[in-house]
N, C-alpha and C. Protein backbone atom coordinates (compact mmCIF):
# COMPACT_ATOMS: atom_id res chain seq x y z
N UNK A 1 23.33 96.70 52.40
CA UNK A 1 23.81 96.35 53.72
C UNK A 1 23.93 97.58 54.62
N UNK A 2 24.38 98.69 54.03
CA UNK A 2 24.50 99.93 54.80
C UNK A 2 23.15 100.38 55.32
N UNK A 3 22.12 100.28 54.48
CA UNK A 3 20.77 100.67 54.89
C UNK A 3 20.30 99.83 56.07
N UNK A 4 20.58 98.53 56.01
CA UNK A 4 20.20 97.64 57.10
C UNK A 4 20.89 98.04 58.40
N UNK A 5 22.17 98.32 58.36
CA UNK A 5 22.91 98.70 59.56
C UNK A 5 22.40 100.03 60.13
N UNK A 6 22.09 100.98 59.23
CA UNK A 6 21.55 102.24 59.69
C UNK A 6 20.22 102.04 60.42
N UNK A 7 19.34 101.24 59.82
CA UNK A 7 18.03 100.96 60.41
C UNK A 7 18.17 100.20 61.73
N UNK A 8 19.13 99.30 61.80
CA UNK A 8 19.38 98.54 63.01
C UNK A 8 19.80 99.48 64.15
N UNK A 9 20.73 100.39 63.86
CA UNK A 9 21.21 101.32 64.88
C UNK A 9 20.08 102.26 65.31
N UNK A 10 19.30 102.75 64.34
CA UNK A 10 18.16 103.63 64.68
C UNK A 10 17.17 102.88 65.54
N UNK A 11 16.85 101.64 65.19
CA UNK A 11 15.92 100.86 65.96
C UNK A 11 16.40 100.56 67.37
N UNK A 12 17.68 100.23 67.51
CA UNK A 12 18.24 99.96 68.84
C UNK A 12 18.25 101.23 69.71
N UNK A 13 18.59 102.36 69.11
CA UNK A 13 18.61 103.59 69.90
C UNK A 13 17.19 104.00 70.29
N UNK A 14 16.23 103.87 69.40
CA UNK A 14 14.84 104.19 69.74
C UNK A 14 14.32 103.25 70.81
N UNK A 15 14.62 101.98 70.69
CA UNK A 15 14.21 101.01 71.70
C UNK A 15 14.85 101.29 73.05
N UNK A 16 16.10 101.73 73.03
CA UNK A 16 16.77 102.10 74.28
C UNK A 16 16.11 103.27 74.97
N UNK A 17 15.70 104.25 74.18
CA UNK A 17 14.99 105.42 74.74
C UNK A 17 13.67 104.99 75.34
N UNK A 18 12.91 104.15 74.63
CA UNK A 18 11.64 103.65 75.18
C UNK A 18 11.86 102.84 76.45
N UNK A 19 12.92 102.05 76.48
CA UNK A 19 13.21 101.24 77.67
C UNK A 19 13.56 102.12 78.86
N UNK A 20 14.34 103.17 78.63
CA UNK A 20 14.71 104.08 79.72
C UNK A 20 13.46 104.80 80.25
N UNK A 21 12.58 105.23 79.36
CA UNK A 21 11.35 105.90 79.79
C UNK A 21 10.46 104.94 80.57
N UNK A 22 10.36 103.70 80.12
CA UNK A 22 9.55 102.71 80.83
C UNK A 22 10.14 102.43 82.21
N UNK A 23 11.44 102.32 82.27
CA UNK A 23 12.10 102.08 83.56
C UNK A 23 11.86 103.25 84.51
N UNK A 24 11.93 104.48 84.00
CA UNK A 24 11.67 105.64 84.82
C UNK A 24 10.24 105.62 85.36
N UNK A 25 9.27 105.27 84.51
CA UNK A 25 7.88 105.18 84.95
C UNK A 25 7.71 104.12 86.04
N UNK A 26 8.37 102.99 85.87
CA UNK A 26 8.24 101.91 86.86
C UNK A 26 8.86 102.34 88.19
N UNK A 27 10.02 102.96 88.15
CA UNK A 27 10.67 103.40 89.38
C UNK A 27 9.81 104.43 90.11
N UNK A 28 9.25 105.38 89.37
CA UNK A 28 8.38 106.39 90.00
C UNK A 28 7.15 105.72 90.59
N UNK A 29 6.53 104.80 89.84
CA UNK A 29 5.33 104.13 90.34
C UNK A 29 5.62 103.27 91.57
N UNK A 30 6.71 102.53 91.54
CA UNK A 30 7.04 101.67 92.68
C UNK A 30 7.39 102.49 93.93
N UNK A 31 7.96 103.67 93.76
CA UNK A 31 8.34 104.46 94.93
C UNK A 31 7.20 105.32 95.46
N UNK A 32 6.30 105.77 94.58
CA UNK A 32 5.22 106.65 95.04
C UNK A 32 3.83 106.02 95.01
N UNK A 33 3.64 104.99 94.20
CA UNK A 33 2.32 104.39 94.05
C UNK A 33 1.46 105.13 93.06
N UNK A 34 2.04 106.11 92.34
CA UNK A 34 1.30 106.88 91.33
C UNK A 34 2.11 106.92 90.06
N UNK A 35 1.40 107.00 88.93
CA UNK A 35 2.05 107.15 87.63
C UNK A 35 2.23 108.64 87.38
N UNK A 36 3.45 109.06 87.16
CA UNK A 36 3.72 110.46 86.86
C UNK A 36 3.42 110.72 85.39
N UNK A 37 2.31 111.40 85.14
CA UNK A 37 1.90 111.66 83.78
C UNK A 37 2.78 112.69 83.08
N UNK A 38 3.57 113.42 83.83
CA UNK A 38 4.45 114.44 83.26
C UNK A 38 5.83 113.89 82.92
N UNK A 39 6.03 112.61 83.07
CA UNK A 39 7.36 112.02 82.85
C UNK A 39 7.85 112.25 81.42
N UNK A 40 6.98 112.08 80.46
CA UNK A 40 7.37 112.31 79.06
C UNK A 40 7.72 113.75 78.78
N UNK A 41 6.96 114.67 79.36
CA UNK A 41 7.26 116.10 79.17
C UNK A 41 8.58 116.49 79.81
N UNK A 42 8.88 115.88 80.95
CA UNK A 42 10.18 116.14 81.56
C UNK A 42 11.32 115.65 80.66
N UNK A 43 11.13 114.51 80.02
CA UNK A 43 12.15 114.00 79.09
C UNK A 43 12.29 114.92 77.89
N UNK A 44 11.16 115.40 77.36
CA UNK A 44 11.22 116.32 76.21
C UNK A 44 11.91 117.60 76.60
N UNK A 45 11.59 118.14 77.78
CA UNK A 45 12.22 119.37 78.24
C UNK A 45 13.73 119.20 78.36
N UNK A 46 14.16 118.06 78.92
CA UNK A 46 15.59 117.78 79.05
C UNK A 46 16.26 117.64 77.68
N UNK A 47 15.54 117.02 76.74
CA UNK A 47 16.09 116.89 75.39
C UNK A 47 16.27 118.25 74.74
N UNK A 48 15.30 119.14 74.93
CA UNK A 48 15.44 120.50 74.37
C UNK A 48 16.61 121.26 75.02
N UNK A 49 16.84 121.03 76.30
CA UNK A 49 17.98 121.68 76.95
C UNK A 49 19.28 121.19 76.31
N UNK A 50 19.40 119.88 76.14
CA UNK A 50 20.61 119.33 75.52
C UNK A 50 20.79 119.84 74.09
N UNK A 51 19.69 119.89 73.34
CA UNK A 51 19.74 120.36 71.96
C UNK A 51 20.19 121.82 71.90
N UNK A 52 19.68 122.63 72.81
CA UNK A 52 20.05 124.04 72.86
C UNK A 52 21.53 124.21 73.17
N UNK A 53 22.02 123.42 74.13
CA UNK A 53 23.44 123.50 74.47
C UNK A 53 24.31 123.10 73.27
N UNK A 54 23.93 122.06 72.57
CA UNK A 54 24.71 121.63 71.41
C UNK A 54 24.66 122.71 70.31
N UNK A 55 23.49 123.33 70.12
CA UNK A 55 23.38 124.40 69.12
C UNK A 55 24.23 125.61 69.49
N UNK A 56 24.46 125.81 70.78
CA UNK A 56 25.30 126.92 71.24
C UNK A 56 26.78 126.61 71.12
N UNK A 57 27.13 125.40 70.72
CA UNK A 57 28.52 125.05 70.49
C UNK A 57 29.16 124.19 71.58
N UNK A 58 28.38 123.78 72.57
CA UNK A 58 28.91 122.92 73.60
C UNK A 58 29.06 121.51 73.03
N UNK A 59 30.20 120.84 73.22
CA UNK A 59 30.33 119.46 72.73
C UNK A 59 29.28 118.55 73.37
N UNK A 60 28.97 117.46 72.70
CA UNK A 60 27.82 116.61 73.05
C UNK A 60 27.92 116.04 74.47
N UNK A 61 29.08 115.52 74.85
CA UNK A 61 29.18 114.89 76.19
C UNK A 61 29.08 115.90 77.32
N UNK A 62 29.75 117.05 77.24
CA UNK A 62 29.51 118.05 78.29
C UNK A 62 28.07 118.58 78.28
N UNK A 63 27.46 118.64 77.10
CA UNK A 63 26.05 119.08 77.02
C UNK A 63 25.15 118.08 77.72
N UNK A 64 25.42 116.80 77.54
CA UNK A 64 24.62 115.78 78.22
C UNK A 64 24.83 115.85 79.72
N UNK A 65 26.06 116.04 80.16
CA UNK A 65 26.34 116.16 81.59
C UNK A 65 25.66 117.37 82.19
N UNK A 66 25.74 118.52 81.51
CA UNK A 66 25.08 119.72 82.02
C UNK A 66 23.57 119.54 82.03
N UNK A 67 23.02 118.86 81.02
CA UNK A 67 21.58 118.62 80.98
C UNK A 67 21.15 117.74 82.14
N UNK A 68 21.94 116.73 82.45
CA UNK A 68 21.61 115.86 83.59
C UNK A 68 21.62 116.66 84.89
N UNK A 69 22.58 117.53 85.07
CA UNK A 69 22.66 118.34 86.28
C UNK A 69 21.46 119.29 86.37
N UNK A 70 21.17 119.98 85.28
CA UNK A 70 20.04 120.92 85.27
C UNK A 70 18.72 120.17 85.48
N UNK A 71 18.56 119.02 84.84
CA UNK A 71 17.33 118.24 84.99
C UNK A 71 17.17 117.72 86.41
N UNK A 72 18.26 117.30 87.02
CA UNK A 72 18.20 116.84 88.41
C UNK A 72 17.77 117.95 89.34
N UNK A 73 18.37 119.12 89.18
CA UNK A 73 18.01 120.26 90.02
C UNK A 73 16.55 120.64 89.79
N UNK A 74 16.12 120.67 88.53
CA UNK A 74 14.73 120.98 88.23
C UNK A 74 13.76 119.96 88.82
N UNK A 75 14.13 118.68 88.77
CA UNK A 75 13.26 117.65 89.32
C UNK A 75 13.16 117.76 90.85
N UNK A 76 14.26 118.09 91.49
CA UNK A 76 14.23 118.27 92.96
C UNK A 76 13.35 119.45 93.31
N UNK A 77 13.47 120.54 92.56
CA UNK A 77 12.62 121.71 92.83
C UNK A 77 11.16 121.37 92.59
N UNK A 78 10.84 120.69 91.50
CA UNK A 78 9.45 120.29 91.25
C UNK A 78 8.91 119.39 92.36
N UNK A 79 9.74 118.47 92.81
CA UNK A 79 9.28 117.55 93.86
C UNK A 79 9.02 118.29 95.15
N UNK A 80 9.91 119.20 95.52
CA UNK A 80 9.79 119.92 96.80
C UNK A 80 8.68 120.96 96.75
N UNK A 81 8.52 121.66 95.63
CA UNK A 81 7.58 122.78 95.57
C UNK A 81 6.18 122.34 95.11
N UNK A 82 6.12 121.41 94.14
CA UNK A 82 4.82 121.07 93.55
C UNK A 82 4.24 119.78 94.14
N UNK A 83 5.03 118.74 94.25
CA UNK A 83 4.50 117.43 94.64
C UNK A 83 4.44 117.25 96.15
N UNK A 84 5.47 117.64 96.86
CA UNK A 84 5.56 117.39 98.30
C UNK A 84 4.38 117.97 99.11
N UNK A 85 3.87 119.19 98.78
CA UNK A 85 2.74 119.69 99.55
C UNK A 85 1.50 118.83 99.48
N UNK A 86 1.38 118.00 98.44
CA UNK A 86 0.21 117.15 98.28
C UNK A 86 0.51 115.70 98.66
N UNK A 87 1.50 115.49 99.48
CA UNK A 87 1.93 114.14 99.85
C UNK A 87 0.84 113.33 100.53
N UNK A 88 0.06 113.93 101.37
CA UNK A 88 -0.99 113.23 102.09
C UNK A 88 -2.37 113.41 101.47
N UNK A 89 -2.41 113.98 100.28
CA UNK A 89 -3.71 114.26 99.64
C UNK A 89 -4.31 113.00 99.04
N UNK A 90 -5.56 113.12 98.63
CA UNK A 90 -6.26 112.02 97.97
C UNK A 90 -5.60 111.67 96.63
N UNK A 91 -5.80 110.45 96.17
CA UNK A 91 -5.17 110.01 94.92
C UNK A 91 -5.60 110.87 93.73
N UNK A 92 -6.84 111.28 93.69
CA UNK A 92 -7.32 112.09 92.57
C UNK A 92 -6.63 113.46 92.54
N UNK A 93 -6.31 113.98 93.71
CA UNK A 93 -5.59 115.25 93.78
C UNK A 93 -4.17 115.09 93.22
N UNK A 94 -3.53 113.99 93.55
CA UNK A 94 -2.19 113.71 93.03
C UNK A 94 -2.23 113.61 91.51
N UNK A 95 -3.22 112.92 90.97
CA UNK A 95 -3.36 112.81 89.51
C UNK A 95 -3.55 114.19 88.90
N UNK A 96 -4.37 115.03 89.53
CA UNK A 96 -4.58 116.38 89.03
C UNK A 96 -3.28 117.19 89.06
N UNK A 97 -2.47 116.99 90.09
CA UNK A 97 -1.17 117.69 90.15
C UNK A 97 -0.27 117.24 89.02
N UNK A 98 -0.23 115.93 88.75
CA UNK A 98 0.59 115.43 87.65
C UNK A 98 0.09 115.94 86.29
N UNK A 99 -1.23 116.00 86.10
CA UNK A 99 -1.76 116.55 84.85
C UNK A 99 -1.40 118.03 84.74
N UNK A 100 -1.48 118.76 85.86
CA UNK A 100 -1.08 120.16 85.85
C UNK A 100 0.39 120.34 85.51
N UNK A 101 1.24 119.45 86.05
CA UNK A 101 2.67 119.50 85.71
C UNK A 101 2.87 119.22 84.22
N UNK A 102 2.15 118.24 83.70
CA UNK A 102 2.25 117.91 82.28
C UNK A 102 1.92 119.13 81.44
N UNK A 103 0.80 119.79 81.73
CA UNK A 103 0.39 120.95 80.94
C UNK A 103 1.34 122.12 81.14
N UNK A 104 1.79 122.32 82.36
CA UNK A 104 2.71 123.43 82.63
C UNK A 104 4.05 123.27 81.95
N UNK A 105 4.63 122.08 82.04
CA UNK A 105 5.93 121.84 81.41
C UNK A 105 5.81 121.89 79.89
N UNK A 106 4.72 121.35 79.36
CA UNK A 106 4.48 121.40 77.91
C UNK A 106 4.37 122.86 77.44
N UNK A 107 3.63 123.67 78.18
CA UNK A 107 3.48 125.08 77.81
C UNK A 107 4.80 125.84 77.92
N UNK A 108 5.55 125.56 79.00
CA UNK A 108 6.83 126.22 79.17
C UNK A 108 7.81 125.88 78.04
N UNK A 109 7.86 124.60 77.66
CA UNK A 109 8.73 124.20 76.56
C UNK A 109 8.29 124.85 75.26
N UNK A 110 6.97 124.94 75.05
CA UNK A 110 6.47 125.60 73.85
C UNK A 110 6.79 127.08 73.83
N UNK A 111 6.73 127.72 74.99
CA UNK A 111 7.03 129.14 75.07
C UNK A 111 8.50 129.42 74.84
N UNK A 112 9.36 128.55 75.33
CA UNK A 112 10.80 128.77 75.20
C UNK A 112 11.29 128.40 73.80
N UNK A 113 10.89 127.26 73.27
CA UNK A 113 11.47 126.75 72.03
C UNK A 113 10.55 126.83 70.82
N UNK A 114 9.57 127.70 70.85
CA UNK A 114 8.70 127.82 69.69
C UNK A 114 8.99 129.06 68.91
């Protein structure tokens, strides 16, 4: 019975994470008309920030709050500096920008946490 409950909790938490990611993709698509291909990398980067804070001894809830603040500020900077200049560009250019963000964030996370 314990094994079943553990698997149930793991499944519900994994499903919740997938649902939140799907909701984020839908909100981005509905507001911009484009699928942000870097959405998953942004989530991974935020997860690494939270993990680092917890490893440094910050309790979990303050670490989550700090991660949300840092992620929000980072997202605003990315939107203003990287995405906003291409606001009126062709759709293919926007896709290329999102692919570039995906590769850049992935490389940055690998450089920091590898």
